[in-house]
Amino acid sequence: MQTMEWENDVKAIVDEWISLNFLTEGDLFVIGCSTSEVAGEHIGTAGSEEVAVVIFRELNRLKEQTGVHLCFQCCEHLNRAIVLEKSVMREHRLDEVAVQPVRHAGGSMATYAYEHLNDAVVVETIQADAGIDIGETMIGMHLKRVAVPLRLEKRYVGKARTTNARTRPKLIGGPRAVYPD
């Protein structure tokens, strides 16, 4: 029964992201996720591949419908490094680091992503265009400089609070500057 709840929660969030039309093909979309928090446990204590499968499947739908690149944040034991596809690493001229996430050093979500993305690698840092933080895992370090929080209707996945954000270019200039919509 819980699996259905988690799936419905993530589906609603993905549907809202798609309907907002903020994402464009090629955007980096960072995901921080505590599968423990989704299941109602304290972060880092009860990692769950079952939760990771549900979330990965729905986020993959986001990728298919918007063309974003999914980037999964590891837990603090890997300094919140990022799992993504090697082609994305090359496209963005990122440097690979030598580590493989596992449940207790990287987290269940990043481990599942590492095992299921095409030719997965780990990099130390990115500057993402948007993202979702499931369970207060602190993705802010991986977003571009001007992050705009999104108040989505669906605020939880299971028992984990979510925070969603997109980024925008910096507004520069003075009172006579003109900004695009």
N, C-alpha and C. Protein backbone atom coordinates (compact mmCIF):
# COMPACT_ATOMS: atom_id res chain seq x y z
N MET A 1 0.82 -1.20 0.00
CA MET A 1 0.00 0.00 0.00
C MET A 1 0.86 1.26 0.00
N GLN A 2 1.95 1.23 0.80
CA GLN A 2 2.82 2.42 0.84
C GLN A 2 3.44 2.71 -0.52
N THR A 3 3.80 1.66 -1.25
CA THR A 3 4.41 1.87 -2.57
C THR A 3 3.48 2.67 -3.47
N MET A 4 2.20 2.36 -3.43
CA MET A 4 1.21 3.09 -4.23
C MET A 4 1.15 4.56 -3.80
N GLU A 5 1.21 4.82 -2.49
CA GLU A 5 1.19 6.20 -1.98
C GLU A 5 2.42 6.96 -2.48
N TRP A 6 3.60 6.35 -2.36
CA TRP A 6 4.83 7.00 -2.82
C TRP A 6 4.74 7.29 -4.31
N GLU A 7 4.28 6.31 -5.07
CA GLU A 7 4.18 6.47 -6.51
C GLU A 7 3.22 7.60 -6.87
N ASN A 8 2.07 7.65 -6.22
CA ASN A 8 1.10 8.72 -6.47
C ASN A 8 1.68 10.09 -6.12
N ASP A 9 2.42 10.16 -5.00
CA ASP A 9 3.03 11.43 -4.58
C ASP A 9 4.03 11.93 -5.62
N VAL A 10 4.95 11.04 -6.04
CA VAL A 10 5.97 11.45 -7.00
C VAL A 10 5.33 11.75 -8.36
N LYS A 11 4.35 10.96 -8.75
CA LYS A 11 3.66 11.20 -10.02
C LYS A 11 3.04 12.60 -10.02
N ALA A 12 2.39 12.99 -8.93
CA ALA A 12 1.77 14.32 -8.85
C ALA A 12 2.81 15.42 -8.97
N ILE A 13 3.95 15.24 -8.34
CA ILE A 13 5.02 16.24 -8.41
C ILE A 13 5.59 16.32 -9.83
N VAL A 14 5.84 15.19 -10.44
CA VAL A 14 6.36 15.17 -11.81
C VAL A 14 5.35 15.80 -12.77
N ASP A 15 4.08 15.46 -12.61
CA ASP A 15 3.04 16.06 -13.46
C ASP A 15 3.04 17.58 -13.32
N GLU A 16 3.20 18.08 -12.09
CA GLU A 16 3.20 19.53 -11.89
C GLU A 16 4.43 20.17 -12.51
N TRP A 17 5.61 19.55 -12.36
CA TRP A 17 6.81 20.06 -13.02
C TRP A 17 6.59 20.17 -14.53
N ILE A 18 6.01 19.12 -15.10
CA ILE A 18 5.77 19.12 -16.55
C ILE A 18 4.81 20.24 -16.94
N SER A 19 3.73 20.40 -16.17
CA SER A 19 2.73 21.41 -16.51
C SER A 19 3.24 22.84 -16.34
N LEU A 20 4.20 23.05 -15.43
CA LEU A 20 4.73 24.39 -15.21
C LEU A 20 5.58 24.88 -16.39
N ASN A 21 6.10 23.93 -17.18
CA ASN A 21 6.84 24.27 -18.40
C ASN A 21 8.10 25.10 -18.14
N PHE A 22 8.74 24.91 -17.00
CA PHE A 22 10.01 25.60 -16.71
C PHE A 22 11.21 24.86 -17.30
N LEU A 23 11.08 23.57 -17.47
CA LEU A 23 12.21 22.75 -17.86
C LEU A 23 12.36 22.71 -19.37
N THR A 24 13.61 22.75 -19.83
CA THR A 24 13.87 22.64 -21.26
C THR A 24 14.87 21.52 -21.50
N GLU A 25 14.85 21.03 -22.71
CA GLU A 25 15.74 19.93 -23.08
C GLU A 25 17.19 20.30 -22.78
N GLY A 26 17.89 19.38 -22.14
CA GLY A 26 19.29 19.60 -21.80
C GLY A 26 19.52 20.19 -20.42
N ASP A 27 18.46 20.66 -19.76
CA ASP A 27 18.63 21.18 -18.39
C ASP A 27 19.15 20.09 -17.46
N LEU A 28 19.97 20.50 -16.50
CA LEU A 28 20.39 19.59 -15.44
C LEU A 28 19.36 19.66 -14.32
N PHE A 29 18.80 18.52 -13.93
CA PHE A 29 17.79 18.44 -12.89
C PHE A 29 18.36 17.59 -11.76
N VAL A 30 18.64 18.22 -10.62
CA VAL A 30 19.27 17.53 -9.50
C VAL A 30 18.20 16.98 -8.55
N ILE A 31 18.45 15.77 -8.08
CA ILE A 31 17.54 15.11 -7.15
C ILE A 31 18.33 14.74 -5.90
N GLY A 32 17.88 15.25 -4.77
CA GLY A 32 18.38 14.80 -3.48
C GLY A 32 17.25 14.02 -2.84
N CYS A 33 17.54 12.84 -2.30
CA CYS A 33 16.44 12.03 -1.79
C CYS A 33 16.89 11.17 -0.62
N SER A 34 16.19 11.32 0.49
CA SER A 34 16.35 10.40 1.61
C SER A 34 15.22 9.38 1.53
N THR A 35 15.55 8.17 1.10
CA THR A 35 14.53 7.13 1.05
C THR A 35 14.07 6.78 2.46
N SER A 36 14.93 6.98 3.44
CA SER A 36 14.54 6.76 4.84
C SER A 36 13.40 7.69 5.23
N GLU A 37 13.54 8.98 4.91
CA GLU A 37 12.52 9.97 5.25
C GLU A 37 11.20 9.67 4.54
N VAL A 38 11.27 9.23 3.29
CA VAL A 38 10.05 8.89 2.56
C VAL A 38 9.28 7.80 3.32
N ALA A 39 10.03 6.84 3.87
CA ALA A 39 9.42 5.72 4.60
C ALA A 39 9.05 6.09 6.04
N GLY A 40 9.32 7.33 6.44
CA GLY A 40 8.93 7.76 7.77
C GLY A 40 9.99 7.56 8.84
N GLU A 41 11.22 7.30 8.42
CA GLU A 41 12.33 7.10 9.36
C GLU A 41 13.27 8.31 9.29
N HIS A 42 14.20 8.37 10.23
CA HIS A 42 15.18 9.46 10.27
C HIS A 42 16.16 9.31 9.12
N ILE A 43 16.52 10.43 8.50
CA ILE A 43 17.44 10.44 7.36
C ILE A 43 18.69 9.61 7.67
N GLY A 44 19.06 8.77 6.70
CA GLY A 44 20.27 7.98 6.82
C GLY A 44 20.16 6.73 7.67
N THR A 45 18.96 6.34 8.08
CA THR A 45 18.85 5.19 9.00
C THR A 45 18.16 3.97 8.40
N ALA A 46 17.41 4.14 7.33
CA ALA A 46 16.62 3.01 6.83
C ALA A 46 16.49 3.07 5.31
N GLY A 47 17.61 3.24 4.63
CA GLY A 47 17.60 3.35 3.18
C GLY A 47 16.81 2.22 2.54
N SER A 48 16.10 2.54 1.45
CA SER A 48 15.20 1.57 0.85
C SER A 48 15.30 1.57 -0.66
N GLU A 49 15.68 0.43 -1.22
CA GLU A 49 15.69 0.30 -2.68
C GLU A 49 14.26 0.34 -3.21
N GLU A 50 13.30 -0.17 -2.44
CA GLU A 50 11.90 -0.15 -2.85
C GLU A 50 11.43 1.28 -3.11
N VAL A 51 11.79 2.21 -2.23
CA VAL A 51 11.45 3.61 -2.43
C VAL A 51 12.19 4.17 -3.65
N ALA A 52 13.48 3.85 -3.76
CA ALA A 52 14.29 4.35 -4.87
C ALA A 52 13.72 3.94 -6.22
N VAL A 53 13.24 2.70 -6.33
CA VAL A 53 12.67 2.21 -7.60
C VAL A 53 11.49 3.07 -8.02
N VAL A 54 10.60 3.35 -7.08
CA VAL A 54 9.39 4.13 -7.37
C VAL A 54 9.76 5.54 -7.81
N ILE A 55 10.66 6.17 -7.09
CA ILE A 55 11.05 7.54 -7.40
C ILE A 55 11.81 7.61 -8.73
N PHE A 56 12.72 6.69 -8.94
CA PHE A 56 13.50 6.67 -10.18
C PHE A 56 12.58 6.53 -11.39
N ARG A 57 11.62 5.64 -11.31
CA ARG A 57 10.70 5.39 -12.43
C ARG A 57 9.95 6.67 -12.81
N GLU A 58 9.42 7.38 -11.82
CA GLU A 58 8.68 8.60 -12.12
C GLU A 58 9.60 9.72 -12.61
N LEU A 59 10.79 9.84 -12.04
CA LEU A 59 11.71 10.87 -12.51
C LEU A 59 12.20 10.57 -13.92
N ASN A 60 12.29 9.31 -14.25
CA ASN A 60 12.66 8.94 -15.61
C ASN A 60 11.57 9.40 -16.59
N ARG A 61 10.32 9.38 -16.16
CA ARG A 61 9.22 9.91 -16.96
C ARG A 61 9.40 11.42 -17.19
N LEU A 62 9.85 12.13 -16.14
CA LEU A 62 10.14 13.56 -16.28
C LEU A 62 11.21 13.76 -17.35
N LYS A 63 12.24 12.95 -17.29
CA LYS A 63 13.33 13.03 -18.28
C LYS A 63 12.79 12.79 -19.70
N GLU A 64 11.98 11.76 -19.86
CA GLU A 64 11.45 11.41 -21.17
C GLU A 64 10.55 12.52 -21.73
N GLN A 65 9.79 13.16 -20.88
CA GLN A 65 8.82 14.15 -21.37
C GLN A 65 9.40 15.56 -21.51
N THR A 66 10.50 15.85 -20.82
CA THR A 66 11.07 17.21 -20.90
C THR A 66 12.45 17.27 -21.52
N GLY A 67 13.15 16.14 -21.55
CA GLY A 67 14.51 16.13 -22.08
C GLY A 67 15.57 16.57 -21.09
N VAL A 68 15.24 16.68 -19.80
CA VAL A 68 16.23 17.06 -18.79
C VAL A 68 17.20 15.90 -18.55
N HIS A 69 18.35 16.24 -17.99
CA HIS A 69 19.31 15.23 -17.55
C HIS A 69 19.15 15.06 -16.05
N LEU A 70 18.92 13.83 -15.60
CA LEU A 70 18.77 13.55 -14.18
C LEU A 70 20.14 13.42 -13.52
N CYS A 71 20.29 14.09 -12.38
CA CYS A 71 21.54 14.11 -11.63
C CYS A 71 21.19 13.81 -10.16
N PHE A 72 21.64 12.67 -9.65
CA PHE A 72 21.25 12.22 -8.32
C PHE A 72 22.35 12.51 -7.30
N GLN A 73 21.98 13.25 -6.27
CA GLN A 73 22.92 13.61 -5.21
C GLN A 73 23.13 12.45 -4.25
N CYS A 74 24.39 12.16 -3.97
CA CYS A 74 24.73 11.16 -2.95
C CYS A 74 24.57 11.78 -1.56
N CYS A 75 24.61 10.95 -0.56
CA CYS A 75 24.50 11.45 0.81
C CYS A 75 25.83 12.06 1.27
N GLU A 76 25.82 12.57 2.48
CA GLU A 76 26.99 13.28 2.99
C GLU A 76 28.23 12.41 3.10
N HIS A 77 28.08 11.09 3.17
CA HIS A 77 29.25 10.21 3.27
C HIS A 77 30.09 10.22 2.00
N LEU A 78 29.51 10.69 0.90
CA LEU A 78 30.27 10.91 -0.33
C LEU A 78 30.30 12.39 -0.68
N ASN A 79 30.23 13.23 0.34
CA ASN A 79 30.29 14.69 0.19
C ASN A 79 29.27 15.22 -0.81
N ARG A 80 28.12 14.57 -0.86
CA ARG A 80 27.02 14.96 -1.74
C ARG A 80 27.43 15.04 -3.22
N ALA A 81 28.32 14.13 -3.61
CA ALA A 81 28.71 14.03 -5.02
C ALA A 81 27.47 13.68 -5.85
N ILE A 82 27.60 13.71 -7.17
CA ILE A 82 26.46 13.58 -8.08
C ILE A 82 26.65 12.40 -9.03
N VAL A 83 25.60 11.58 -9.16
CA VAL A 83 25.56 10.48 -10.12
C VAL A 83 24.81 10.97 -11.35
N LEU A 84 25.42 10.80 -12.51
CA LEU A 84 24.79 11.17 -13.78
C LEU A 84 25.36 10.31 -14.89
N GLU A 85 24.86 10.49 -16.10
CA GLU A 85 25.35 9.71 -17.23
C GLU A 85 26.66 10.29 -17.75
N LYS A 86 27.55 9.41 -18.20
CA LYS A 86 28.86 9.84 -18.69
C LYS A 86 28.73 10.85 -19.83
N SER A 87 27.74 10.69 -20.69
CA SER A 87 27.56 11.64 -21.80
C SER A 87 27.25 13.04 -21.28
N VAL A 88 26.52 13.14 -20.18
CA VAL A 88 26.20 14.44 -19.58
C VAL A 88 27.47 15.04 -18.97
N MET A 89 28.27 14.19 -18.32
CA MET A 89 29.54 14.65 -17.75
C MET A 89 30.41 15.26 -18.86
N ARG A 90 30.49 14.57 -19.97
CA ARG A 90 31.31 15.07 -21.08
C ARG A 90 30.74 16.35 -21.68
N GLU A 91 29.44 16.38 -21.88
CA GLU A 91 28.78 17.56 -22.46
C GLU A 91 29.03 18.81 -21.62
N HIS A 92 29.04 18.64 -20.31
CA HIS A 92 29.20 19.78 -19.40
C HIS A 92 30.64 19.93 -18.90
N ARG A 93 31.54 19.14 -19.46
CA ARG A 93 32.97 19.23 -19.14
C ARG A 93 33.22 19.13 -17.63
N LEU A 94 32.62 18.12 -17.02
CA LEU A 94 32.77 17.87 -15.59
C LEU A 94 33.86 16.84 -15.38
N ASP A 95 34.40 16.79 -14.19
CA ASP A 95 35.44 15.84 -13.86
C ASP A 95 34.88 14.68 -13.05
N GLU A 96 35.14 13.48 -13.54
CA GLU A 96 34.70 12.27 -12.85
C GLU A 96 35.55 12.06 -11.60
N VAL A 97 34.93 11.55 -10.54
CA VAL A 97 35.65 11.14 -9.34
C VAL A 97 35.54 9.63 -9.22
N ALA A 98 36.52 9.03 -8.55
CA ALA A 98 36.60 7.58 -8.44
C ALA A 98 35.90 7.09 -7.19
N VAL A 99 34.61 6.81 -7.32
CA VAL A 99 33.84 6.24 -6.22
C VAL A 99 32.59 5.61 -6.80
N GLN A 100 32.09 4.60 -6.13
CA GLN A 100 30.83 3.98 -6.51
C GLN A 100 29.91 4.05 -5.30
N PRO A 101 28.77 4.71 -5.44
CA PRO A 101 27.86 4.79 -4.30
C PRO A 101 27.31 3.42 -3.92
N VAL A 102 27.16 3.21 -2.63
CA VAL A 102 26.49 2.04 -2.08
C VAL A 102 25.52 2.54 -1.03
N ARG A 103 24.64 1.69 -0.59
CA ARG A 103 23.56 2.12 0.32
C ARG A 103 24.06 2.92 1.51
N HIS A 104 25.14 2.49 2.15
CA HIS A 104 25.60 3.16 3.38
C HIS A 104 26.68 4.21 3.12
N ALA A 105 27.05 4.42 1.88
CA ALA A 105 27.98 5.50 1.52
C ALA A 105 27.60 5.99 0.14
N GLY A 106 26.60 6.83 0.12
CA GLY A 106 26.04 7.35 -1.13
C GLY A 106 24.54 7.41 -1.05
N GLY A 107 23.96 6.43 -0.36
CA GLY A 107 22.51 6.40 -0.18
C GLY A 107 21.82 5.49 -1.19
N SER A 108 20.64 5.04 -0.82
CA SER A 108 19.89 4.10 -1.66
C SER A 108 19.48 4.69 -3.00
N MET A 109 19.08 5.97 -3.02
CA MET A 109 18.64 6.58 -4.27
C MET A 109 19.80 6.73 -5.25
N ALA A 110 20.92 7.26 -4.79
CA ALA A 110 22.09 7.43 -5.67
C ALA A 110 22.63 6.07 -6.12
N THR A 111 22.59 5.09 -5.24
CA THR A 111 23.05 3.75 -5.59
C THR A 111 22.17 3.16 -6.69
N TYR A 112 20.87 3.29 -6.53
CA TYR A 112 19.95 2.77 -7.55
C TYR A 112 20.18 3.49 -8.88
N ALA A 113 20.33 4.79 -8.83
CA ALA A 113 20.58 5.56 -10.06
C ALA A 113 21.89 5.12 -10.72
N TYR A 114 22.93 4.92 -9.92
CA TYR A 114 24.22 4.49 -10.45
C TYR A 114 24.08 3.15 -11.19
N GLU A 115 23.23 2.30 -10.66
CA GLU A 115 23.05 0.97 -11.25
C GLU A 115 22.10 0.98 -12.46
N HIS A 116 21.30 2.05 -12.63
CA HIS A 116 20.28 2.03 -13.66
C HIS A 116 20.37 3.14 -14.72
N LEU A 117 21.19 4.13 -14.51
CA LEU A 117 21.42 5.12 -15.57
C LEU A 117 22.31 4.51 -16.64
N ASN A 118 22.25 5.05 -17.85
CA ASN A 118 23.15 4.59 -18.91
C ASN A 118 24.56 5.07 -18.64
N ASP A 119 25.49 4.14 -18.48
CA ASP A 119 26.91 4.47 -18.31
C ASP A 119 27.12 5.53 -17.22
N ALA A 120 26.67 5.22 -16.01
CA ALA A 120 26.72 6.16 -14.90
C ALA A 120 28.14 6.42 -14.41
N VAL A 121 28.36 7.67 -13.99
CA VAL A 121 29.62 8.10 -13.37
C VAL A 121 29.26 9.01 -12.20
N VAL A 122 30.27 9.34 -11.41
CA VAL A 122 30.09 10.26 -10.29
C VAL A 122 30.99 11.46 -10.50
N VAL A 123 30.43 12.65 -10.29
CA VAL A 123 31.19 13.89 -10.34
C VAL A 123 31.03 14.58 -8.99
N GLU A 124 31.92 15.51 -8.72
CA GLU A 124 31.91 16.16 -7.41
C GLU A 124 30.85 17.25 -7.28
N THR A 125 30.61 17.98 -8.35
CA THR A 125 29.70 19.11 -8.25
C THR A 125 29.12 19.45 -9.61
N ILE A 126 27.93 20.05 -9.60
CA ILE A 126 27.29 20.55 -10.82
C ILE A 126 26.65 21.89 -10.51
N GLN A 127 26.15 22.56 -11.53
CA GLN A 127 25.36 23.77 -11.38
C GLN A 127 24.05 23.50 -12.12
N ALA A 128 23.08 22.92 -11.42
CA ALA A 128 21.83 22.49 -12.03
C ALA A 128 20.88 23.65 -12.29
N ASP A 129 19.99 23.42 -13.23
CA ASP A 129 18.98 24.41 -13.61
C ASP A 129 17.74 24.32 -12.74
N ALA A 130 17.50 23.16 -12.16
CA ALA A 130 16.31 22.94 -11.33
C ALA A 130 16.53 21.67 -10.53
N GLY A 131 15.62 21.43 -9.58
CA GLY A 131 15.75 20.20 -8.82
C GLY A 131 14.68 20.00 -7.78
N ILE A 132 14.72 18.83 -7.19
CA ILE A 132 13.81 18.47 -6.11
C ILE A 132 14.63 17.87 -4.97
N ASP A 133 14.30 18.30 -3.79
CA ASP A 133 14.92 17.80 -2.57
C ASP A 133 13.84 17.05 -1.80
N ILE A 134 13.98 15.75 -1.69
CA ILE A 134 13.00 14.91 -1.01
C ILE A 134 13.59 14.48 0.33
N GLY A 135 13.08 15.05 1.41
CA GLY A 135 13.56 14.67 2.74
C GLY A 135 14.66 15.55 3.28
N GLU A 136 14.73 16.79 2.79
CA GLU A 136 15.67 17.79 3.30
C GLU A 136 17.14 17.33 3.25
N THR A 137 17.56 16.98 2.05
CA THR A 137 18.93 16.52 1.83
C THR A 137 19.89 17.64 1.40
N MET A 138 19.37 18.85 1.23
CA MET A 138 20.18 20.05 0.96
C MET A 138 20.84 20.05 -0.41
N ILE A 139 20.03 20.19 -1.47
CA ILE A 139 20.56 20.21 -2.83
C ILE A 139 21.08 21.57 -3.26
N GLY A 140 20.90 22.59 -2.44
CA GLY A 140 21.22 23.96 -2.83
C GLY A 140 22.61 24.16 -3.38
N MET A 141 23.58 23.41 -2.89
CA MET A 141 24.96 23.57 -3.37
C MET A 141 25.12 23.18 -4.83
N HIS A 142 24.13 22.48 -5.37
CA HIS A 142 24.22 22.02 -6.75
C HIS A 142 23.30 22.78 -7.70
N LEU A 143 22.71 23.86 -7.23
CA LEU A 143 21.87 24.70 -8.10
C LEU A 143 22.65 25.94 -8.54
N LYS A 144 22.29 26.48 -9.68
CA LYS A 144 22.89 27.74 -10.12
C LYS A 144 22.61 28.82 -9.09
N ARG A 145 23.30 29.94 -9.20
CA ARG A 145 23.32 30.96 -8.13
C ARG A 145 21.98 31.57 -7.77
N VAL A 146 21.07 31.77 -8.70
CA VAL A 146 19.80 32.39 -8.35
C VAL A 146 18.70 31.33 -8.40
N ALA A 147 18.46 30.71 -7.26
CA ALA A 147 17.44 29.67 -7.16
C ALA A 147 16.11 30.31 -6.75
N VAL A 148 15.05 29.83 -7.38
CA VAL A 148 13.70 30.33 -7.10
C VAL A 148 12.90 29.15 -6.55
N PRO A 149 12.48 29.22 -5.30
CA PRO A 149 11.69 28.10 -4.76
C PRO A 149 10.34 28.00 -5.45
N LEU A 150 9.90 26.78 -5.66
CA LEU A 150 8.58 26.54 -6.25
C LEU A 150 7.68 25.95 -5.18
N ARG A 151 6.52 26.51 -5.03
CA ARG A 151 5.54 26.02 -4.06
C ARG A 151 4.56 25.12 -4.80
N LEU A 152 4.92 23.87 -4.96
CA LEU A 152 4.05 22.93 -5.65
C LEU A 152 2.89 22.53 -4.74
N GLU A 153 1.81 22.11 -5.34
CA GLU A 153 0.66 21.67 -4.55
C GLU A 153 1.00 20.45 -3.71
N LYS A 154 1.70 19.49 -4.29
CA LYS A 154 2.10 18.27 -3.57
C LYS A 154 3.41 18.57 -2.85
N ARG A 155 3.39 18.53 -1.54
CA ARG A 155 4.56 18.93 -0.74
C ARG A 155 5.29 17.77 -0.08
N TYR A 156 4.75 16.55 -0.19
CA TYR A 156 5.36 15.39 0.47
C TYR A 156 5.43 14.21 -0.49
N VAL A 157 6.47 13.39 -0.31
CA VAL A 157 6.54 12.06 -0.90
C VAL A 157 6.60 11.13 0.29
N GLY A 158 5.54 10.37 0.47
CA GLY A 158 5.43 9.57 1.69
C GLY A 158 5.46 10.51 2.88
N LYS A 159 6.39 10.29 3.79
CA LYS A 159 6.52 11.13 4.99
C LYS A 159 7.57 12.23 4.82
N ALA A 160 8.21 12.30 3.66
CA ALA A 160 9.31 13.25 3.44
C ALA A 160 8.80 14.54 2.80
N ARG A 161 9.14 15.65 3.43
CA ARG A 161 8.82 16.96 2.86
C ARG A 161 9.70 17.20 1.64
N THR A 162 9.13 17.83 0.62
CA THR A 162 9.91 18.15 -0.57
C THR A 162 10.08 19.65 -0.71
N THR A 163 11.19 20.02 -1.29
CA THR A 163 11.45 21.40 -1.67
C THR A 163 11.85 21.36 -3.13
N ASN A 164 11.21 22.19 -3.93
CA ASN A 164 11.47 22.23 -5.36
C ASN A 164 11.99 23.62 -5.73
N ALA A 165 12.88 23.67 -6.70
CA ALA A 165 13.43 24.96 -7.10
C ALA A 165 13.81 24.94 -8.57
N ARG A 166 13.72 26.10 -9.16
CA ARG A 166 14.27 26.32 -10.50
C ARG A 166 15.25 27.47 -10.36
N THR A 167 15.99 27.73 -11.39
CA THR A 167 16.92 28.85 -11.33
C THR A 167 16.57 29.83 -12.43
N ARG A 168 17.11 31.03 -12.32
CA ARG A 168 16.95 32.04 -13.35
C ARG A 168 18.25 32.82 -13.45
N PRO A 169 18.46 33.50 -14.57
CA PRO A 169 19.66 34.33 -14.68
C PRO A 169 19.62 35.47 -13.65
N LYS A 170 20.79 35.93 -13.25
CA LYS A 170 20.90 37.08 -12.36
C LYS A 170 20.34 38.31 -13.06
N LEU A 171 19.66 39.16 -12.31
CA LEU A 171 19.23 40.46 -12.83
C LEU A 171 20.36 41.44 -12.52
N ILE A 172 20.91 42.06 -13.57
CA ILE A 172 22.00 43.01 -13.36
C ILE A 172 21.61 44.37 -13.89
N GLY A 173 22.30 45.39 -13.49
CA GLY A 173 22.02 46.73 -13.96
C GLY A 173 21.32 47.55 -12.89
N GLY A 174 20.95 48.73 -13.27
CA GLY A 174 20.31 49.66 -12.35
C GLY A 174 18.88 49.93 -12.73
N PRO A 175 18.38 51.12 -12.32
CA PRO A 175 16.98 51.44 -12.54
C PRO A 175 16.58 51.53 -14.01
N ARG A 176 17.54 51.72 -14.91
CA ARG A 176 17.19 51.82 -16.32
C ARG A 176 17.30 50.48 -17.05
N ALA A 177 17.70 49.46 -16.37
CA ALA A 177 17.85 48.14 -17.01
C ALA A 177 16.48 47.58 -17.39
N VAL A 178 16.46 46.85 -18.46
CA VAL A 178 15.24 46.21 -18.94
C VAL A 178 15.49 44.70 -18.91
N TYR A 179 14.52 43.96 -18.36
CA TYR A 179 14.68 42.51 -18.22
C TYR A 179 13.65 41.79 -19.06
N PRO A 180 14.03 40.67 -19.68
CA PRO A 180 13.04 39.89 -20.43
C PRO A 180 12.07 39.22 -19.47
N ASP A 181 10.92 38.83 -19.97
CA ASP A 181 9.92 38.17 -19.13
C ASP A 181 10.41 36.85 -18.60
